[in-house]
Amino acid sequence: MSEKQLLIVAHIPSDNTRRLRDAVVEGASHADISGVAVEALTPFEAAPDQVRRADGIILGTTENLGYMSGALKDFFDRTYYPVLEEKQGLPFALYVRAGHDGTGTCRAVDTIVTGLRWQPVQEHLVCRGDWDDAFVDSCRELGTLMAAGLEAGVF
């Protein structure tokens, strides 16, 4: 069985958003999970080739004015058409660091991933309101769930 590729594309403009991304990576790299290679990039670093190689993707963004970060939007602008046909059905998960409720951010991402025909593996994780260290645990669990699902062939 060949190694599965998990791509994490996360906007990390602050120490706290870096902590969330690092927790996703840590969870996805859990010692009990083998056969899944994890690659974590910022939206500006990620390109169509990385998406093409991915068997699953986790997207991370801040809520900016009720929308996804400009960085994540840039990622979609550059990768949408190049991967549109060959990555339909790609399992994905989304986490949002939201100062408000995250609704507009999730809706915006959903509009794009629906066009790509990517498949959500769970409800979006919205870390809303004032910072809470529990956000880190939730992101770690998200990474573990995605990697374990890929390893088991569930997604």
Protein backbone atom coordinates (compact mmCIF):
# COMPACT_ATOMS: atom_id res chain seq x y z
CA MET A 1 0.00 0.00 0.00
CA SER A 2 1.46 3.36 -0.98
CA GLU A 3 1.84 6.21 1.44
CA LYS A 4 -1.08 8.67 1.51
CA GLN A 5 -0.40 12.40 1.23
CA LEU A 6 -2.10 14.85 3.60
CA LEU A 7 -1.73 18.50 2.68
CA ILE A 8 -2.35 21.18 5.30
CA VAL A 9 -2.81 24.68 3.91
CA ALA A 10 -3.09 27.15 6.76
CA HIS A 11 -2.89 30.90 7.10
CA ILE A 12 -0.77 31.63 10.19
CA PRO A 13 -0.50 35.40 10.72
CA SER A 14 -0.07 35.18 14.51
CA ASP A 15 1.48 33.03 17.21
CA ASN A 16 -1.95 31.63 18.09
CA THR A 17 -2.83 30.68 14.52
CA ARG A 18 0.61 29.05 14.25
CA ARG A 19 -0.24 27.05 17.39
CA LEU A 20 -3.43 25.84 15.71
CA ARG A 21 -1.62 24.80 12.54
CA ASP A 22 1.13 23.09 14.56
CA ALA A 23 -1.53 21.19 16.52
CA VAL A 24 -3.11 19.95 13.28
CA VAL A 25 0.31 18.78 12.09
CA GLU A 26 1.00 17.12 15.45
CA GLY A 27 -2.33 15.31 15.38
CA ALA A 28 -1.85 14.18 11.79
CA SER A 29 1.64 12.92 12.67
CA HIS A 30 0.45 10.86 15.65
CA ALA A 31 2.73 7.91 16.45
CA ASP A 32 -0.12 5.41 15.95
CA ILE A 33 -0.63 6.54 12.36
CA SER A 34 1.69 5.22 9.69
CA GLY A 35 1.49 5.45 5.96
CA VAL A 36 0.49 9.12 5.87
CA ALA A 37 2.97 11.81 4.87
CA VAL A 38 2.07 15.28 6.14
CA GLU A 39 3.01 18.47 4.33
CA ALA A 40 2.11 21.83 5.89
CA LEU A 41 2.30 24.99 3.81
CA THR A 42 0.99 28.51 3.95
CA PRO A 43 -1.56 29.42 1.28
CA PHE A 44 1.13 31.45 -0.49
CA GLU A 45 3.48 28.44 -0.62
CA ALA A 46 0.91 25.88 -1.76
CA ALA A 47 0.56 25.36 -5.50
CA PRO A 48 -1.49 23.13 -7.79
CA ASP A 49 1.20 20.41 -7.76
CA GLN A 50 0.86 19.94 -4.00
CA VAL A 51 -2.92 19.70 -4.31
CA ARG A 52 -2.58 17.17 -7.16
CA ARG A 53 -0.39 14.95 -4.97
CA ALA A 54 -2.75 15.18 -1.98
CA ASP A 55 -5.09 12.39 -0.94
CA GLY A 56 -6.68 14.75 1.59
CA ILE A 57 -6.41 18.41 2.55
CA ILE A 58 -6.98 20.42 5.69
CA LEU A 59 -7.60 24.13 5.22
CA GLY A 60 -6.99 26.64 8.01
CA THR A 61 -7.94 30.30 7.91
CA THR A 62 -8.70 33.28 10.02
CA GLU A 63 -12.03 35.04 9.80
CA ASN A 64 -11.36 38.36 8.09
CA LEU A 65 -14.29 40.75 7.84
CA GLY A 66 -16.68 37.80 7.77
CA TYR A 67 -14.72 36.08 5.00
CA MET A 68 -11.75 33.75 4.62
CA SER A 69 -8.26 35.24 4.78
CA GLY A 70 -6.96 36.90 1.63
CA ALA A 71 -4.15 34.35 1.72
CA LEU A 72 -6.54 31.40 1.46
CA LYS A 73 -8.52 33.18 -1.24
CA ASP A 74 -5.24 33.65 -3.14
CA PHE A 75 -4.57 29.91 -2.81
CA PHE A 76 -7.96 29.12 -4.32
CA ASP A 77 -7.46 31.72 -7.07
CA ARG A 78 -4.20 30.05 -8.13
CA THR A 79 -5.22 26.40 -7.75
CA TYR A 80 -8.93 26.20 -8.59
CA TYR A 81 -8.82 25.68 -12.35
CA PRO A 82 -5.55 23.72 -12.48
CA VAL A 83 -6.96 21.04 -10.11
CA LEU A 84 -10.68 21.28 -10.90
CA GLU A 85 -11.00 18.17 -13.05
CA GLU A 86 -8.51 15.80 -11.46
CA LYS A 87 -9.15 16.41 -7.74
CA GLN A 88 -12.92 16.04 -7.59
CA GLY A 89 -13.93 14.12 -4.50
CA LEU A 90 -10.84 15.18 -2.52
CA PRO A 91 -11.60 14.75 1.20
CA PHE A 92 -11.13 18.00 3.09
CA ALA A 93 -11.57 19.56 6.48
CA LEU A 94 -11.67 23.21 7.49
CA TYR A 95 -10.80 24.99 10.69
CA VAL A 96 -11.43 28.68 11.23
CA ARG A 97 -10.04 31.00 13.88
CA ALA A 98 -12.99 33.35 14.23
CA GLY A 99 -13.34 36.44 16.33
CA HIS A 100 -17.06 36.41 15.60
CA ASP A 101 -19.14 33.43 14.53
CA GLY A 102 -17.27 32.21 11.43
CA THR A 103 -20.48 31.78 9.43
CA GLY A 104 -19.44 33.96 6.49
CA THR A 105 -16.00 32.38 6.39
CA CYS A 106 -17.40 28.86 6.26
CA ARG A 107 -19.95 29.87 3.63
CA ALA A 108 -17.25 31.41 1.43
CA VAL A 109 -15.03 28.32 1.62
CA ASP A 110 -18.04 26.05 1.05
CA THR A 111 -18.90 27.92 -2.14
CA ILE A 112 -15.45 27.25 -3.56
CA VAL A 113 -15.05 23.64 -2.41
CA THR A 114 -18.53 22.84 -3.70
CA GLY A 115 -17.39 23.99 -7.13
CA LEU A 116 -14.30 21.81 -6.76
CA ARG A 117 -16.54 18.92 -5.62
CA TRP A 118 -14.34 18.30 -2.59
CA GLN A 119 -15.96 16.20 0.15
CA PRO A 120 -16.04 17.35 3.78
CA VAL A 121 -14.97 14.71 6.30
CA GLN A 122 -16.67 16.45 9.23
CA GLU A 123 -18.42 19.67 10.18
CA HIS A 124 -16.15 22.68 10.02
CA LEU A 125 -14.22 23.40 13.19
CA VAL A 126 -14.80 27.02 14.17
CA CYS A 127 -12.62 28.29 17.02
CA ARG A 128 -14.74 31.31 17.86
CA GLY A 129 -14.48 34.14 20.32
CA ASP A 130 -11.67 34.96 22.70
CA TRP A 131 -8.63 32.70 22.60
CA ASP A 132 -9.09 29.40 24.40
CA ASP A 133 -6.33 26.81 24.75
CA ALA A 134 -8.98 24.16 24.01
CA PHE A 135 -8.77 25.32 20.37
CA VAL A 136 -5.36 23.66 20.20
CA ASP A 137 -6.76 20.32 21.38
CA SER A 138 -9.60 20.52 18.85
CA CYS A 139 -7.17 21.19 16.02
CA ARG A 140 -4.94 18.32 17.12
CA GLU A 141 -7.98 16.01 17.07
CA LEU A 142 -8.88 17.26 13.59
CA GLY A 143 -5.42 16.37 12.29
CA THR A 144 -5.57 12.93 13.88
CA LEU A 145 -9.04 12.24 12.47
CA MET A 146 -8.04 13.18 8.94
CA ALA A 147 -4.79 11.22 8.94
CA ALA A 148 -6.37 8.16 10.56
CA GLY A 149 -9.21 8.26 8.03
CA LEU A 150 -6.76 8.44 5.15
CA GLU A 151 -4.67 5.60 6.60
CA ALA A 152 -7.76 3.41 7.05
CA GLY A 153 -9.10 4.23 3.58
CA VAL A 154 -12.27 5.75 5.02
CA PHE A 155 -11.76 8.92 3.00
